Amino acid sequence: MQRPLEATKGNYRISTDKAQLQLPVIHRYLSEDSYWAKDIPENLVAASIENSLCFGIYQQNEQVGFARVITDYATFGYLADVFVLPGHRGQGLSKWLMEVIGSHPGLQQLRRMMLMTQDAHGLYEQYGYAPLEHPGNAMSKRVGAPYTELKNKMA
């Protein structure tokens, strides 16, 4: 396991130390405010954090942003769950987060990094992301029920 990394800019800090992550903040944003993980159960958020390289953005000790990379640290990485809380947007935190992720030593040898977005193409293009060269080669499979169905079953 790699040692946690930290970067500081003004009164903000990015850390890969999972012990600092604030699960209630992450879960609330993903389950209530995101379009990609609406209604995700907290236990699934916790499992996704446990099995990913995570980046938390903090102002003092308050978590204000997050991203994670699902990776084998050898050939592939998938960037997911990127967000900055609304009260902290417009300060370049998303760009700084992308710079910190892009320079992480454990990700330098990867052959490919991927992500999916509905609305942040402009941000990610600044860091080398582009539409798939051969989108016909990409495939996906829905394995489980949508989070909304899981939430209803648990209620």
Protein backbone atom coordinates (compact mmCIF):
# COMPACT_ATOMS: atom_id res chain seq x y z
CA MET A 1 0.00 0.00 0.00
CA GLN A 2 1.26 3.43 -0.92
CA ARG A 3 1.84 6.20 1.57
CA PRO A 4 -0.87 8.90 1.43
CA LEU A 5 0.05 11.97 -0.60
CA GLU A 6 -0.94 15.56 0.17
CA ALA A 7 -0.94 18.82 -1.77
CA THR A 8 -1.82 22.29 -0.49
CA LYS A 9 -3.06 25.37 -2.33
CA GLY A 10 -4.15 28.43 -0.38
CA ASN A 11 -6.44 27.25 2.40
CA TYR A 12 -7.32 24.00 0.58
CA ARG A 13 -5.66 20.61 0.80
CA ILE A 14 -5.93 17.43 -1.26
CA SER A 15 -5.10 14.15 0.43
CA THR A 16 -5.17 10.49 -0.56
CA ASP A 17 -5.42 9.47 3.11
CA LYS A 18 -8.66 7.47 3.33
CA ALA A 19 -8.76 7.98 7.11
CA GLN A 20 -9.59 11.67 6.47
CA LEU A 21 -12.51 10.98 4.12
CA GLN A 22 -15.92 11.96 5.48
CA LEU A 23 -18.29 9.25 4.30
CA PRO A 24 -21.47 11.19 5.20
CA VAL A 25 -20.38 14.12 2.98
CA ILE A 26 -19.45 11.85 0.07
CA HIS A 27 -22.57 9.72 0.38
CA ARG A 28 -24.89 12.72 0.66
CA TYR A 29 -23.49 14.32 -2.49
CA LEU A 30 -23.48 11.12 -4.53
CA SER A 31 -26.92 9.89 -3.43
CA GLU A 32 -28.73 13.23 -3.45
CA ASP A 33 -26.96 15.63 -5.83
CA SER A 34 -25.15 13.59 -8.47
CA TYR A 35 -26.83 12.36 -11.63
CA TRP A 36 -24.69 9.23 -11.85
CA ALA A 37 -25.18 7.69 -8.39
CA LYS A 38 -28.59 8.97 -7.31
CA ASP A 39 -29.93 6.92 -4.38
CA ILE A 40 -26.72 4.87 -3.96
CA PRO A 41 -26.71 3.15 -0.56
CA GLU A 42 -24.04 4.26 1.91
CA ASN A 43 -22.58 0.75 2.20
CA LEU A 44 -21.86 0.75 -1.55
CA VAL A 45 -20.14 4.14 -1.31
CA ALA A 46 -18.03 2.78 1.56
CA ALA A 47 -17.08 -0.31 -0.47
CA SER A 48 -16.21 1.81 -3.51
CA ILE A 49 -13.91 3.96 -1.37
CA GLU A 50 -12.27 0.92 0.20
CA ASN A 51 -11.41 -0.47 -3.24
CA SER A 52 -10.20 2.73 -4.94
CA LEU A 53 -7.44 5.31 -4.85
CA CYS A 54 -9.28 8.28 -3.33
CA PHE A 55 -8.63 12.01 -3.37
CA GLY A 56 -10.36 14.22 -0.82
CA ILE A 57 -10.38 18.02 -1.02
CA TYR A 58 -10.50 19.77 2.36
CA GLN A 59 -10.80 23.30 3.68
CA GLN A 60 -9.29 22.98 7.13
CA ASN A 61 -10.84 19.68 8.22
CA GLU A 62 -14.10 20.01 6.25
CA GLN A 63 -14.37 17.85 3.14
CA VAL A 64 -15.45 19.92 0.14
CA GLY A 65 -14.62 17.63 -2.80
CA PHE A 66 -13.79 14.11 -3.84
CA ALA A 67 -12.67 11.86 -6.67
CA ARG A 68 -11.56 8.27 -6.92
CA VAL A 69 -9.61 6.19 -9.38
CA ILE A 70 -10.44 2.53 -9.78
CA THR A 71 -7.15 1.00 -10.86
CA ASP A 72 -4.84 -1.99 -10.95
CA TYR A 73 -1.86 0.44 -10.69
CA ALA A 74 -0.34 -1.28 -13.72
CA THR A 75 -2.30 -0.75 -16.93
CA PHE A 76 -5.72 0.83 -16.41
CA GLY A 77 -7.59 3.41 -14.38
CA TYR A 78 -11.14 4.69 -14.32
CA LEU A 79 -11.83 8.14 -12.87
CA ALA A 80 -15.13 8.28 -11.00
CA ASP A 81 -17.28 10.24 -8.56
CA VAL A 82 -15.57 13.60 -9.14
CA PHE A 83 -17.24 16.50 -7.35
CA VAL A 84 -16.66 19.81 -5.61
CA LEU A 85 -19.42 21.01 -3.30
CA PRO A 86 -21.36 24.00 -4.68
CA GLY A 87 -20.09 26.52 -2.12
CA HIS A 88 -16.49 25.85 -3.19
CA ARG A 89 -16.88 25.89 -6.97
CA GLY A 90 -15.40 28.61 -9.16
CA GLN A 91 -12.05 28.60 -7.37
CA GLY A 92 -10.17 26.23 -9.67
CA LEU A 93 -10.48 23.26 -7.31
CA SER A 94 -11.63 20.84 -10.05
CA LYS A 95 -8.66 21.80 -12.22
CA TRP A 96 -6.27 21.46 -9.31
CA LEU A 97 -7.79 18.08 -8.44
CA MET A 98 -7.24 16.90 -12.01
CA GLU A 99 -3.60 18.07 -11.85
CA VAL A 100 -3.02 16.21 -8.58
CA ILE A 101 -4.65 13.03 -9.91
CA GLY A 102 -2.69 13.28 -13.17
CA SER A 103 0.62 13.59 -11.34
CA HIS A 104 0.02 10.79 -8.82
CA PRO A 105 3.10 8.51 -8.93
CA GLY A 106 1.01 5.33 -8.82
CA LEU A 107 -0.80 6.24 -12.03
CA GLN A 108 2.11 7.25 -14.26
CA GLN A 109 2.61 3.89 -15.99
CA LEU A 110 -1.04 3.29 -16.89
CA ARG A 111 -1.78 2.71 -20.57
CA ARG A 112 -5.28 4.13 -20.36
CA MET A 113 -7.44 6.23 -18.06
CA MET A 114 -11.16 6.45 -18.77
CA LEU A 115 -14.15 8.30 -17.40
CA MET A 116 -17.77 9.00 -18.23
CA THR A 117 -19.42 12.42 -18.01
CA GLN A 118 -22.61 14.10 -19.17
CA ASP A 119 -21.56 17.67 -18.59
CA ALA A 120 -17.86 18.21 -17.85
CA HIS A 121 -16.22 17.47 -21.19
CA GLY A 122 -14.49 20.87 -21.24
CA LEU A 123 -12.77 20.24 -17.93
CA TYR A 124 -11.53 16.77 -18.79
CA GLU A 125 -10.36 17.72 -22.31
CA GLN A 126 -7.90 20.15 -20.69
CA TYR A 127 -6.20 17.10 -19.14
CA GLY A 128 -5.96 14.96 -22.26
CA TYR A 129 -9.28 13.11 -22.13
CA ALA A 130 -11.07 12.73 -25.46
CA PRO A 131 -14.03 10.80 -26.86
CA LEU A 132 -13.27 7.14 -27.48
CA GLU A 133 -11.24 6.61 -30.65
CA HIS A 134 -13.32 3.54 -31.48
CA PRO A 135 -16.58 3.80 -29.54
CA GLY A 136 -17.89 0.72 -31.33
CA ASN A 137 -15.25 -1.29 -29.47
CA ALA A 138 -16.55 -0.25 -26.05
CA MET A 139 -19.17 -2.38 -24.37
CA SER A 140 -20.91 -2.36 -21.03
CA LYS A 141 -23.20 -4.62 -19.08
CA ARG A 142 -25.68 -3.67 -16.38
CA VAL A 143 -25.18 -6.22 -13.65
CA GLY A 144 -27.30 -5.02 -10.76
CA ALA A 145 -30.52 -3.15 -10.24
CA PRO A 146 -30.54 0.66 -10.38
CA TYR A 147 -29.85 2.23 -6.98
CA THR A 148 -33.44 3.46 -6.78
CA GLU A 149 -34.68 -0.13 -6.81
CA LEU A 150 -32.17 -1.08 -4.10
CA LYS A 151 -33.27 1.86 -1.99
CA ASN A 152 -36.92 0.85 -2.33
CA LYS A 153 -36.15 -2.75 -1.34
CA MET A 154 -34.27 -1.57 1.76
CA ALA A 155 -37.10 0.77 2.86
